[in-house]
N, C-alpha and C. Protein backbone atom coordinates (compact mmCIF):
# COMPACT_ATOMS: atom_id res chain seq x y z
N MET A 1 0.84 -1.47 -0.01
CA MET A 1 0.52 0.12 0.00
C MET A 1 1.07 1.33 -0.43
N SER A 2 0.70 2.15 -1.06
CA SER A 2 1.46 3.94 -1.31
C SER A 2 0.68 4.23 -0.85
N GLY A 3 1.52 5.67 -0.79
CA GLY A 3 0.71 6.66 -0.68
C GLY A 3 -0.15 6.76 1.01
N ARG A 4 -0.72 8.04 1.16
CA ARG A 4 -0.94 8.33 2.20
C ARG A 4 -2.84 7.51 1.92
N ALA A 5 -2.88 7.68 3.29
CA ALA A 5 -4.71 7.32 3.45
C ALA A 5 -5.48 8.60 2.65
N ASP A 6 -5.05 9.67 3.38
CA ASP A 6 -6.30 10.77 3.74
C ASP A 6 -5.44 12.01 2.91
N SER A 7 -6.32 12.05 2.01
CA SER A 7 -5.32 12.77 1.10
C SER A 7 -6.21 14.73 1.14
N ASP A 8 -7.34 14.74 1.30
CA ASP A 8 -7.68 15.98 2.01
C ASP A 8 -7.15 16.79 2.90
N THR A 9 -7.02 17.82 2.72
CA THR A 9 -6.02 18.82 3.32
C THR A 9 -6.69 19.49 4.18
N ASP A 10 -6.89 19.54 5.42
CA ASP A 10 -7.94 20.40 6.38
C ASP A 10 -7.40 22.06 5.82
N PRO A 11 -9.10 22.26 6.20
CA PRO A 11 -8.87 23.82 5.54
C PRO A 11 -8.39 25.52 6.46
N GLU A 12 -8.27 24.34 7.65
CA GLU A 12 -7.41 25.37 8.44
C GLU A 12 -6.00 25.81 7.97
N ILE A 13 -5.54 24.41 7.02
CA ILE A 13 -4.29 24.25 6.73
C ILE A 13 -3.63 24.84 5.83
N THR A 14 -4.67 25.27 4.83
CA THR A 14 -4.99 25.69 2.89
C THR A 14 -4.83 27.45 2.95
N ASP A 15 -6.38 27.62 4.15
CA ASP A 15 -6.77 28.81 4.05
C ASP A 15 -6.86 29.20 5.22
N PRO A 16 -6.41 30.50 5.71
CA PRO A 16 -6.11 30.49 7.40
C PRO A 16 -7.58 31.23 7.23
N GLU A 17 -8.72 32.10 6.79
CA GLU A 17 -10.08 32.24 6.92
C GLU A 17 -11.06 31.40 6.37
N ALA A 18 -10.24 30.23 6.26
CA ALA A 18 -11.72 29.15 6.51
C ALA A 18 -11.69 29.14 8.25
N ALA A 19 -10.47 28.92 8.38
CA ALA A 19 -10.15 28.42 10.07
C ALA A 19 -10.92 29.20 11.21
N THR A 20 -11.14 30.47 10.37
CA THR A 20 -11.55 31.68 11.60
C THR A 20 -13.64 31.97 10.96
N ALA A 21 -13.76 31.75 10.15
CA ALA A 21 -14.78 31.35 9.34
C ALA A 21 -15.87 30.09 9.86
N GLN A 22 -14.62 29.04 10.52
CA GLN A 22 -15.14 27.68 11.09
C GLN A 22 -15.56 27.66 12.61
N ASP A 23 -14.74 29.29 13.36
CA ASP A 23 -14.60 29.22 14.51
C ASP A 23 -15.97 29.70 15.33
N THR A 24 -16.29 28.74 16.31
CA THR A 24 -17.91 28.62 16.35
C THR A 24 -17.86 28.80 18.16
N GLU A 25 -16.95 29.08 18.34
CA GLU A 25 -16.83 30.16 20.11
C GLU A 25 -17.89 31.12 19.87
N PRO A 26 -19.08 31.51 20.81
CA PRO A 26 -19.34 33.14 20.62
C PRO A 26 -18.66 34.38 20.72
N ASP A 27 -17.51 33.51 21.80
CA ASP A 27 -16.67 34.59 23.25
C ASP A 27 -15.17 34.98 21.95
N ALA A 28 -14.55 34.52 21.15
CA ALA A 28 -13.80 34.55 20.67
C ALA A 28 -13.13 36.01 20.32
N VAL A 29 -12.03 35.84 21.32
CA VAL A 29 -11.54 37.61 21.53
C VAL A 29 -10.42 37.58 20.05
N PRO A 30 -9.89 38.61 18.95
CA PRO A 30 -9.47 38.06 17.98
C PRO A 30 -7.73 39.00 18.44
N ASP A 31 -6.54 38.16 17.74
CA ASP A 31 -5.14 37.87 18.39
C ASP A 31 -5.28 39.85 18.11
N GLU A 32 -4.60 40.39 19.34
CA GLU A 32 -3.65 41.45 18.88
C GLU A 32 -2.78 41.66 17.65
N PRO A 33 -3.05 42.43 17.45
CA PRO A 33 -2.30 43.31 16.18
C PRO A 33 -0.78 43.47 16.75
N ASP A 34 0.18 42.96 16.14
CA ASP A 34 1.73 43.15 16.17
C ASP A 34 2.02 44.30 15.87
N ALA A 35 2.48 45.07 16.33
CA ALA A 35 3.53 46.01 17.13
C ALA A 35 4.00 46.80 15.30
N MET A 36 3.49 48.08 15.68
CA MET A 36 3.47 48.34 14.40
C MET A 36 5.78 49.28 14.19
N PRO A 37 5.56 49.17 12.77
CA PRO A 37 6.79 49.56 12.53
C PRO A 37 7.73 50.12 13.71
N GLY A 38 6.87 51.58 13.36
CA GLY A 38 7.36 52.77 13.64
C GLY A 38 7.74 53.11 15.13
N GLU A 39 6.81 51.53 16.39
CA GLU A 39 6.83 52.01 17.78
C GLU A 39 8.14 51.18 17.93
N PRO A 40 8.68 51.55 19.51
CA PRO A 40 9.80 51.34 19.93
C PRO A 40 9.08 49.86 20.87
N ASP A 41 10.37 48.77 20.69
CA ASP A 41 10.40 47.44 21.33
C ASP A 41 10.07 48.20 22.94
N ASP A 42 9.34 46.76 23.29
CA ASP A 42 10.05 47.22 25.19
C ASP A 42 11.41 46.24 25.94
N GLU A 43 11.42 45.64 25.28
CA GLU A 43 13.03 44.44 24.92
C GLU A 43 13.54 44.84 24.02
N PRO A 44 14.86 45.13 24.46
CA PRO A 44 16.03 45.76 23.73
C PRO A 44 16.41 44.33 22.54
N ALA A 45 16.55 44.53 21.47
CA ALA A 45 17.01 43.90 20.87
C ALA A 45 18.19 43.53 20.93
N GLU A 46 19.30 43.81 21.74
CA GLU A 46 20.88 43.22 22.45
C GLU A 46 20.32 41.93 22.69
N PRO A 47 21.44 40.79 22.37
CA PRO A 47 21.22 39.43 23.31
C PRO A 47 22.05 40.74 24.80
N ASP A 48 22.02 39.26 25.71
CA ASP A 48 21.82 39.48 27.05
C ASP A 48 23.19 39.18 27.38
N GLU A 49 23.82 40.19 28.06
CA GLU A 49 25.36 39.71 28.18
C GLU A 49 25.21 39.08 29.25
N GLU A 50 24.44 38.74 30.17
CA GLU A 50 24.98 37.41 30.81
C GLU A 50 24.36 36.49 30.51
N LEU A 51 24.21 36.20 29.66
CA LEU A 51 23.74 34.44 29.44
C LEU A 51 24.94 33.95 28.03
N ASP A 52 26.10 34.86 27.70
CA ASP A 52 27.25 34.62 27.32
C ASP A 52 28.02 34.44 28.18
N ASP A 53 27.77 34.35 29.56
CA ASP A 53 29.16 33.83 30.24
C ASP A 53 28.77 32.55 30.65
N GLU A 54 28.06 31.98 30.54
CA GLU A 54 27.43 30.56 31.54
C GLU A 54 27.56 29.68 30.27
N PRO A 55 28.69 28.86 30.37
CA PRO A 55 29.22 27.77 29.98
C PRO A 55 28.17 27.01 29.06
N ASP A 56 28.43 26.20 28.29
CA ASP A 56 27.23 25.51 27.76
C ASP A 56 27.34 24.28 28.05
N ASP A 57 26.17 23.88 28.70
CA ASP A 57 25.94 22.38 28.93
C ASP A 57 26.13 20.74 27.99
N ASP A 58 26.24 21.51 26.64
CA ASP A 58 26.00 20.65 26.06
C ASP A 58 27.17 19.86 25.12
N ASP A 59 28.73 20.76 25.96
CA ASP A 59 30.02 21.10 25.55
C ASP A 59 30.18 19.62 26.03
N PRO A 60 30.85 18.70 25.28
CA PRO A 60 31.08 17.84 25.53
C PRO A 60 32.56 17.72 25.85
N ALA A 61 33.82 18.85 25.31
CA ALA A 61 34.84 19.03 26.29
C ALA A 61 34.88 19.38 27.42
N GLU A 62 33.53 20.24 27.90
CA GLU A 62 33.64 20.75 29.56
C GLU A 62 33.17 19.64 30.56
N GLY A 63 32.41 18.68 29.89
CA GLY A 63 31.94 17.23 30.29
C GLY A 63 33.26 17.10 31.20
N ALA A 64 34.40 16.05 29.75
CA ALA A 64 35.34 15.68 29.44
C ALA A 64 36.54 16.59 31.07
N ARG A 65 36.48 17.71 30.48
CA ARG A 65 37.62 18.22 31.35
C ARG A 65 37.16 18.53 33.00
N ARG A 66 35.71 18.60 32.85
CA ARG A 66 35.45 18.52 34.47
C ARG A 66 35.39 16.98 34.99
N ALA A 67 35.24 15.83 34.69
CA ALA A 67 35.48 14.46 34.96
C ALA A 67 37.07 14.21 34.65
N ARG A 68 37.42 14.92 34.31
CA ARG A 68 39.33 14.73 35.05
C ARG A 68 39.65 15.60 36.14
N TRP A 69 39.07 16.45 36.14
CA TRP A 69 38.67 17.48 37.35
C TRP A 69 38.63 16.40 38.96
N THR A 70 38.04 15.98 38.55
CA THR A 70 36.73 15.02 39.89
C THR A 70 37.81 13.49 39.97
N ALA A 71 38.07 13.54 39.10
CA ALA A 71 39.36 12.52 39.28
C ALA A 71 40.22 12.42 39.72
N ALA A 72 40.66 13.53 39.18
CA ALA A 72 42.55 14.11 39.96
C ALA A 72 41.91 14.73 41.57
N GLY A 73 40.91 15.31 41.76
CA GLY A 73 40.99 15.45 43.22
C GLY A 73 40.68 14.71 44.08
N THR A 74 39.59 13.75 43.44
CA THR A 74 38.76 12.56 44.14
C THR A 74 40.09 11.53 44.62
N GLY A 75 41.20 11.64 43.91
CA GLY A 75 41.92 10.72 44.08
C GLY A 75 43.31 11.46 45.36
N ALA A 76 43.13 12.53 44.87
CA ALA A 76 44.59 13.26 45.74
C ALA A 76 43.73 13.03 47.04
N ALA A 77 42.17 13.77 47.47
CA ALA A 77 41.74 13.22 48.17
C ALA A 77 42.08 11.92 49.27
N LEU A 78 41.85 10.65 48.39
CA LEU A 78 41.60 9.17 49.32
C LEU A 78 43.19 8.84 49.19
N THR A 79 44.05 9.55 48.29
CA THR A 79 45.71 9.83 48.59
C THR A 79 45.69 10.03 50.14
N LEU A 80 45.35 11.24 50.39
CA LEU A 80 45.78 11.78 51.65
C LEU A 80 45.56 11.09 52.93
N ALA A 81 43.61 10.96 52.71
CA ALA A 81 43.11 10.54 53.63
C ALA A 81 43.40 8.88 53.89
N GLY A 82 44.20 8.24 53.07
CA GLY A 82 44.80 6.45 53.30
C GLY A 82 46.91 7.18 53.81
N LEU A 83 46.84 7.92 53.09
CA LEU A 83 48.19 8.16 54.45
C LEU A 83 48.10 8.89 55.81
N SER A 84 46.75 9.61 55.77
CA SER A 84 47.07 10.21 57.05
C SER A 84 46.43 8.93 57.94
N ALA A 85 45.72 8.28 57.71
CA ALA A 85 45.05 7.18 58.44
C ALA A 85 46.49 5.94 58.28
N ALA A 86 47.63 5.84 57.85
CA ALA A 86 48.34 4.97 58.01
C ALA A 86 49.53 5.04 58.36
N LEU A 87 50.38 6.52 58.99
CA LEU A 87 50.65 7.61 59.90
C LEU A 87 49.84 7.29 61.15
N LEU A 88 48.74 7.70 61.49
CA LEU A 88 47.85 6.85 62.81
C LEU A 88 47.84 6.02 62.99
N ARG A 89 47.10 4.62 62.65
CA ARG A 89 47.96 3.60 62.83
C ARG A 89 49.13 2.94 63.23
N LEU A 90 50.32 3.54 62.45
CA LEU A 90 51.36 3.54 62.70
C LEU A 90 52.40 3.85 64.29
N THR A 91 51.17 4.84 64.93
CA THR A 91 51.81 5.27 66.11
C THR A 91 50.77 4.78 67.46
N ARG A 92 49.42 3.66 66.60
CA ARG A 92 48.96 2.86 68.04
C ARG A 92 49.60 1.57 67.54
N SER A 93 49.16 0.42 68.65
CA SER A 93 49.78 -0.66 68.57
C SER A 93 48.32 -1.73 67.22
N ALA A 94 49.15 -1.75 66.31
CA ALA A 94 48.41 -2.06 65.59
C ALA A 94 49.01 -3.02 64.54
N PRO A 95 48.57 -4.18 64.31
CA PRO A 95 49.35 -5.34 63.80
C PRO A 95 50.33 -4.41 62.53
N ALA A 96 51.08 -4.72 61.47
CA ALA A 96 51.87 -4.40 60.34
C ALA A 96 51.45 -3.72 59.71
N LEU A 97 50.68 -4.99 58.92
CA LEU A 97 49.64 -5.20 57.33
C LEU A 97 48.37 -3.88 57.62
N VAL A 98 48.31 -3.79 58.61
CA VAL A 98 47.03 -2.43 58.77
C VAL A 98 47.52 -0.55 57.68
N PRO A 99 48.52 -0.52 58.84
CA PRO A 99 49.19 0.48 58.42
C PRO A 99 50.42 0.80 56.90
N ALA A 100 50.76 -1.10 56.45
CA ALA A 100 50.60 -1.24 54.80
C ALA A 100 49.54 -1.49 53.76
N ALA A 101 48.42 -1.95 54.49
CA ALA A 101 47.44 -1.27 53.74
C ALA A 101 46.49 -0.31 53.42
N TYR A 102 47.01 0.25 54.41
CA TYR A 102 46.28 2.01 54.05
C TYR A 102 47.46 2.02 53.26
N ALA A 103 48.21 2.57 53.16
CA ALA A 103 49.41 3.32 52.31
C ALA A 103 48.97 2.10 50.97
N GLY A 104 49.36 1.20 51.17
CA GLY A 104 48.86 0.29 49.64
C GLY A 104 47.61 0.90 48.96
N GLY A 105 46.54 0.99 49.98
CA GLY A 105 46.18 1.87 49.17
C GLY A 105 45.73 3.37 48.76
N ALA A 106 46.35 4.06 49.71
CA ALA A 106 46.65 5.24 48.98
C ALA A 106 47.13 4.89 47.96
N ALA A 107 48.19 4.19 47.89
CA ALA A 107 49.63 4.36 46.43
C ALA A 107 48.41 4.27 45.36
N VAL A 108 47.46 3.84 45.40
CA VAL A 108 46.45 2.80 44.47
C VAL A 108 46.08 4.19 44.43
N CYS A 109 44.91 4.83 45.15
CA CYS A 109 44.48 6.07 44.76
C CYS A 109 45.31 7.45 44.49
N ALA A 110 46.58 7.18 44.06
CA ALA A 110 47.64 7.94 43.78
C ALA A 110 47.74 8.29 42.33
N GLY A 111 48.01 6.15 41.97
CA GLY A 111 47.84 6.60 40.72
C GLY A 111 46.63 6.63 39.85
N ALA A 112 45.51 6.75 40.74
CA ALA A 112 44.37 6.82 39.57
C ALA A 112 44.17 8.72 39.52
N ALA A 113 44.86 9.24 40.61
CA ALA A 113 44.62 10.51 40.69
C ALA A 113 45.67 10.96 39.80
N VAL A 114 46.57 9.82 39.17
CA VAL A 114 47.38 10.44 37.80
C VAL A 114 46.65 10.42 36.64
N LEU A 115 46.10 9.25 36.47
CA LEU A 115 45.61 8.66 34.95
C LEU A 115 44.27 9.94 34.95
N GLY A 116 43.68 10.13 36.08
CA GLY A 116 42.47 10.73 36.08
C GLY A 116 43.23 12.16 35.01
N ALA A 117 43.30 12.85 36.03
CA ALA A 117 44.62 13.67 35.29
C ALA A 117 45.29 13.68 33.71
N ARG A 118 45.21 12.53 34.06
CA ARG A 118 45.62 12.44 32.12
C ARG A 118 44.31 12.28 30.69
N GLY A 119 43.53 11.97 31.88
CA GLY A 119 42.04 12.08 30.94
C GLY A 119 41.41 10.25 30.94
N ARG A 120 42.45 9.53 31.96
CA ARG A 120 42.31 7.89 32.19
C ARG A 120 41.20 8.06 32.85
N THR A 121 39.43 8.41 32.99
CA THR A 121 38.26 8.65 34.15
C THR A 121 38.44 7.17 34.39
N ARG A 122 38.04 6.35 33.83
CA ARG A 122 37.21 5.40 33.58
C ARG A 122 38.36 3.72 34.44
N ARG A 123 39.65 3.97 34.33
CA ARG A 123 40.31 3.66 34.51
C ARG A 123 40.68 3.94 36.19
N ALA A 124 40.71 5.38 35.83
CA ALA A 124 40.61 6.12 37.61
C ALA A 124 39.56 5.56 38.73
N LEU A 125 38.87 5.44 37.84
CA LEU A 125 37.26 4.73 38.80
C LEU A 125 38.11 4.04 39.43
N TRP A 126 38.17 2.90 38.47
CA TRP A 126 38.40 1.51 38.99
C TRP A 126 39.21 1.83 40.30
N LEU A 127 40.70 2.03 39.80
CA LEU A 127 42.11 2.30 40.91
C LEU A 127 40.88 2.68 42.32
N LEU A 128 40.36 3.69 42.07
CA LEU A 128 39.72 4.74 43.18
C LEU A 128 38.70 3.18 43.95
N ILE A 129 38.35 3.08 43.42
CA ILE A 129 37.87 1.26 44.02
C ILE A 129 38.38 0.69 44.74
N ALA A 130 40.05 0.06 43.51
CA ALA A 130 40.09 -0.89 44.16
C ALA A 130 41.54 -0.04 45.64
N GLY A 131 41.64 0.75 45.74
CA GLY A 131 41.95 1.61 46.28
C GLY A 131 41.31 1.76 48.07
N VAL A 132 40.18 2.07 47.65
CA VAL A 132 39.26 1.95 48.67
C VAL A 132 38.60 0.61 49.72
N MET A 133 39.04 -0.27 48.42
CA MET A 133 38.87 -1.44 49.11
C MET A 133 40.10 -2.11 49.88
N VAL A 134 41.25 -1.69 49.45
CA VAL A 134 42.01 -1.94 50.04
C VAL A 134 42.19 -1.48 51.30
N MET A 135 42.12 -0.10 51.42
CA MET A 135 41.89 -0.07 52.92
C MET A 135 40.97 -0.12 54.05
N ALA A 136 39.22 -0.65 52.78
CA ALA A 136 38.99 -1.47 53.97
C ALA A 136 39.51 -2.59 54.47
N LEU A 137 39.87 -3.47 53.59
CA LEU A 137 40.42 -4.77 54.20
C LEU A 137 41.40 -4.45 55.40
N GLY A 138 42.29 -3.37 55.46
CA GLY A 138 43.52 -3.47 56.11
C GLY A 138 42.71 -2.86 57.28
N ASP A 139 41.75 -2.72 57.34
CA ASP A 139 40.74 -2.23 58.38
C ASP A 139 40.30 -2.92 59.36
N GLN A 140 40.23 -4.06 58.31
CA GLN A 140 39.26 -5.05 59.35
C GLN A 140 40.57 -6.33 60.34
N PHE A 141 41.87 -6.09 59.95
CA PHE A 141 42.84 -5.97 60.45
C PHE A 141 43.00 -5.77 61.86
N ASP A 142 42.51 -4.29 62.26
CA ASP A 142 42.57 -3.93 63.01
C ASP A 142 41.70 -4.94 64.31
């Protein structure tokens, strides 16, 4: 079966006056006429300066940049947290495996921070997860 099933065109599409003639509303308000060419508009024709300063959310480069900064920042924060936990566990009476696990997890998170800064954000995410898991495993031995 080829072609359209309905070949008749609606009168509103073909003739704008036919659409107003078919209007059955008794209190229909006619449209207001457009502004006259000589009248000034209420809004300025210049684009708003503030709207140009906002970054585009659709920009893929901006999303990649944000992902790199997030991966690098999270990796650095987890590295510092792991190193500080390792130093705290060294000062207390804990098995040697506990501070070693914290330091090892911090090293893995530091590698994730480096990978994230270079744009390897997926690998950095998995390294961050692995580093936190190593730290959590070391905490279980305490």
